Amino acid sequence: MKYCQFEGCTNKIATGVYCDEHKRSKASRKKRQQLKSVYHHENKPFYRSQAWKDMRDFVYQREGGCCQRCGKFVFGRQAHIHHVIPIKDNNQLKLDPNNLMLLCSKCHPIVENETEQKKIFPSYF
C-alpha cells in the first residue's frame, strides 16, 4: 500500500498513482484530446511548414512583439498569429503578411469569435 500522489491526499492505494477520488476519468481525457484537435486540424501540415514558420517570425518582428488589439508585449506560446481572412475562406491569402496579425492569447479568441465582418483592408481587394 502507498499514498495517493494528489497533493494533501492521505488515501492509501494498492496500484496506480491516484486514489479513486483523484483519478481522471477516461471521458474527461477523451474530451481534452478532442479540444486539443479543434484548431487547425486540417491545416496542421501547413502550420508545420518552414514557409509558415518564416512568415510567423516576420509578422512577430514587424509588430515588435506587441498584440495588435491590446498592445501588450507577448512572446513564446502567448504570441498567436491570426489570419484576418481564414484559410478556409481564401487559401491564397494564407501566407500574405497583410492578412496576418499578432495577437496575445487573451485577444485571439475574442477576435476569432467576432460575428460582425469588418472591412479590414478595403483598399487591398
Protein backbone atom coordinates (compact mmCIF):
# COMPACT_ATOMS: atom_id res chain seq x y z
CA MET A 1 0.00 0.00 0.00
CA LYS A 2 1.11 3.53 -0.78
CA TYR A 3 -0.34 7.01 -0.56
CA CYS A 4 -2.19 8.80 -3.34
CA GLN A 5 0.12 11.26 -5.15
CA PHE A 6 -2.51 14.04 -5.16
CA GLU A 7 -1.21 16.91 -3.01
CA GLY A 8 -2.60 16.70 0.51
CA CYS A 9 -4.44 13.40 0.00
CA THR A 10 -3.97 10.75 2.72
CA ASN A 11 -5.85 7.91 0.99
CA LYS A 12 -3.92 4.66 0.54
CA ILE A 13 -3.91 2.80 -2.78
CA ALA A 14 -2.72 -0.62 -3.88
CA THR A 15 -1.98 0.17 -7.54
CA GLY A 16 -1.66 3.22 -9.71
CA VAL A 17 -0.75 6.77 -8.77
CA TYR A 18 -4.04 8.31 -7.57
CA CYS A 19 -6.95 7.13 -5.43
CA ASP A 20 -10.44 6.75 -6.93
CA GLU A 21 -11.34 10.25 -5.75
CA HIS A 22 -8.49 11.87 -7.71
CA LYS A 23 -8.29 9.69 -10.82
CA ARG A 24 -9.23 11.35 -14.05
CA SER A 25 -11.95 9.56 -15.93
CA LYS A 26 -11.43 8.29 -19.45
CA ALA A 27 -14.27 10.55 -20.61
CA SER A 28 -12.51 13.70 -19.41
CA ARG A 29 -9.25 12.55 -21.01
CA LYS A 30 -11.06 11.98 -24.32
CA LYS A 31 -12.73 15.40 -24.05
CA ARG A 32 -9.35 17.09 -23.53
CA GLN A 33 -7.93 15.31 -26.59
CA GLN A 34 -10.89 16.49 -28.69
CA LEU A 35 -10.39 20.08 -27.50
CA LYS A 36 -6.72 19.96 -28.50
CA SER A 37 -7.60 18.93 -32.04
CA VAL A 38 -10.26 21.64 -32.60
CA TYR A 39 -7.88 24.23 -34.02
CA HIS A 40 -6.42 23.84 -37.48
CA HIS A 41 -6.77 20.07 -37.71
CA GLU A 42 -6.95 20.05 -41.50
CA ASN A 43 -4.19 22.69 -41.85
CA LYS A 44 -1.70 21.03 -39.49
CA PRO A 45 0.87 20.25 -42.25
CA PHE A 46 0.77 23.91 -43.33
CA TYR A 47 1.41 25.16 -39.79
CA ARG A 48 4.45 22.88 -39.56
CA SER A 49 5.97 24.08 -42.85
CA GLN A 50 9.08 26.24 -42.99
CA ALA A 51 7.26 28.86 -45.09
CA TRP A 52 4.72 29.37 -42.28
CA LYS A 53 7.43 29.50 -39.59
CA ASP A 54 9.30 32.16 -41.56
CA MET A 55 6.13 34.21 -42.10
CA ARG A 56 5.18 33.89 -38.42
CA ASP A 57 8.62 35.21 -37.43
CA PHE A 58 8.29 38.06 -39.94
CA VAL A 59 4.90 39.16 -38.55
CA TYR A 60 6.21 38.97 -34.97
CA GLN A 61 9.18 41.19 -35.84
CA ARG A 62 7.03 43.57 -37.90
CA GLU A 63 4.75 44.17 -34.90
CA GLY A 64 7.63 44.42 -32.43
CA GLY A 65 6.19 41.58 -30.33
CA CYS A 66 3.09 43.57 -29.32
CA CYS A 67 -0.51 42.42 -29.60
CA GLN A 68 -2.31 44.44 -32.27
CA ARG A 69 -5.52 44.55 -30.23
CA CYS A 70 -4.41 45.41 -26.67
CA GLY A 71 -0.77 46.43 -27.22
CA LYS A 72 0.63 44.00 -24.63
CA PHE A 73 4.11 42.58 -25.27
CA VAL A 74 3.84 38.83 -25.96
CA PHE A 75 6.37 36.10 -26.63
CA GLY A 76 6.60 32.34 -26.86
CA ARG A 77 3.34 30.42 -26.78
CA GLN A 78 1.42 33.56 -25.82
CA ALA A 79 2.06 35.06 -29.28
CA HIS A 80 -0.63 33.96 -31.74
CA ILE A 81 -0.63 34.83 -35.43
CA HIS A 82 -4.20 35.32 -36.62
CA HIS A 83 -5.49 35.10 -40.20
CA VAL A 84 -7.86 38.03 -40.75
CA ILE A 85 -9.46 36.17 -43.64
CA PRO A 86 -9.43 32.48 -42.63
CA ILE A 87 -7.62 29.92 -44.75
CA LYS A 88 -10.88 28.07 -45.40
CA ASP A 89 -12.37 31.24 -46.95
CA ASN A 90 -9.39 32.11 -49.15
CA ASN A 91 -6.48 29.67 -49.32
CA GLN A 92 -4.33 32.04 -51.39
CA LEU A 93 -4.02 34.56 -48.53
CA LYS A 94 -2.57 32.11 -46.01
CA LEU A 95 0.99 33.47 -46.42
CA ASP A 96 0.07 37.08 -47.19
CA PRO A 97 1.56 39.35 -44.49
CA ASN A 98 -1.34 41.82 -44.96
CA ASN A 99 -3.73 39.05 -43.88
CA LEU A 100 -1.83 38.22 -40.67
CA MET A 101 -1.87 39.94 -37.30
CA LEU A 102 -0.14 39.28 -33.99
CA LEU A 103 -2.45 38.75 -31.01
CA CYS A 104 -1.99 37.69 -27.41
CA SER A 105 -3.63 34.52 -26.13
CA LYS A 106 -6.43 36.53 -24.47
CA CYS A 107 -7.31 38.64 -27.52
CA HIS A 108 -7.11 35.83 -30.09
CA PRO A 109 -10.38 34.07 -29.07
CA ILE A 110 -12.15 37.45 -28.92
CA VAL A 111 -11.09 38.38 -32.46
CA GLU A 112 -11.69 34.81 -33.67
CA ASN A 113 -15.29 34.83 -32.42
CA GLU A 114 -16.32 38.25 -33.69
CA THR A 115 -19.50 37.72 -35.66
CA GLU A 116 -19.56 41.05 -37.47
CA GLN A 117 -17.48 41.05 -40.63
CA LYS A 118 -15.39 44.17 -40.67
CA LYS A 119 -13.75 45.82 -43.64
CA ILE A 120 -10.15 45.38 -42.53
CA PHE A 121 -8.32 46.10 -45.78
CA PRO A 122 -10.88 47.67 -48.13
CA SER A 123 -8.17 49.02 -50.44
CA TYR A 124 -6.47 45.62 -50.62
CA PHE A 125 -9.29 43.97 -52.53
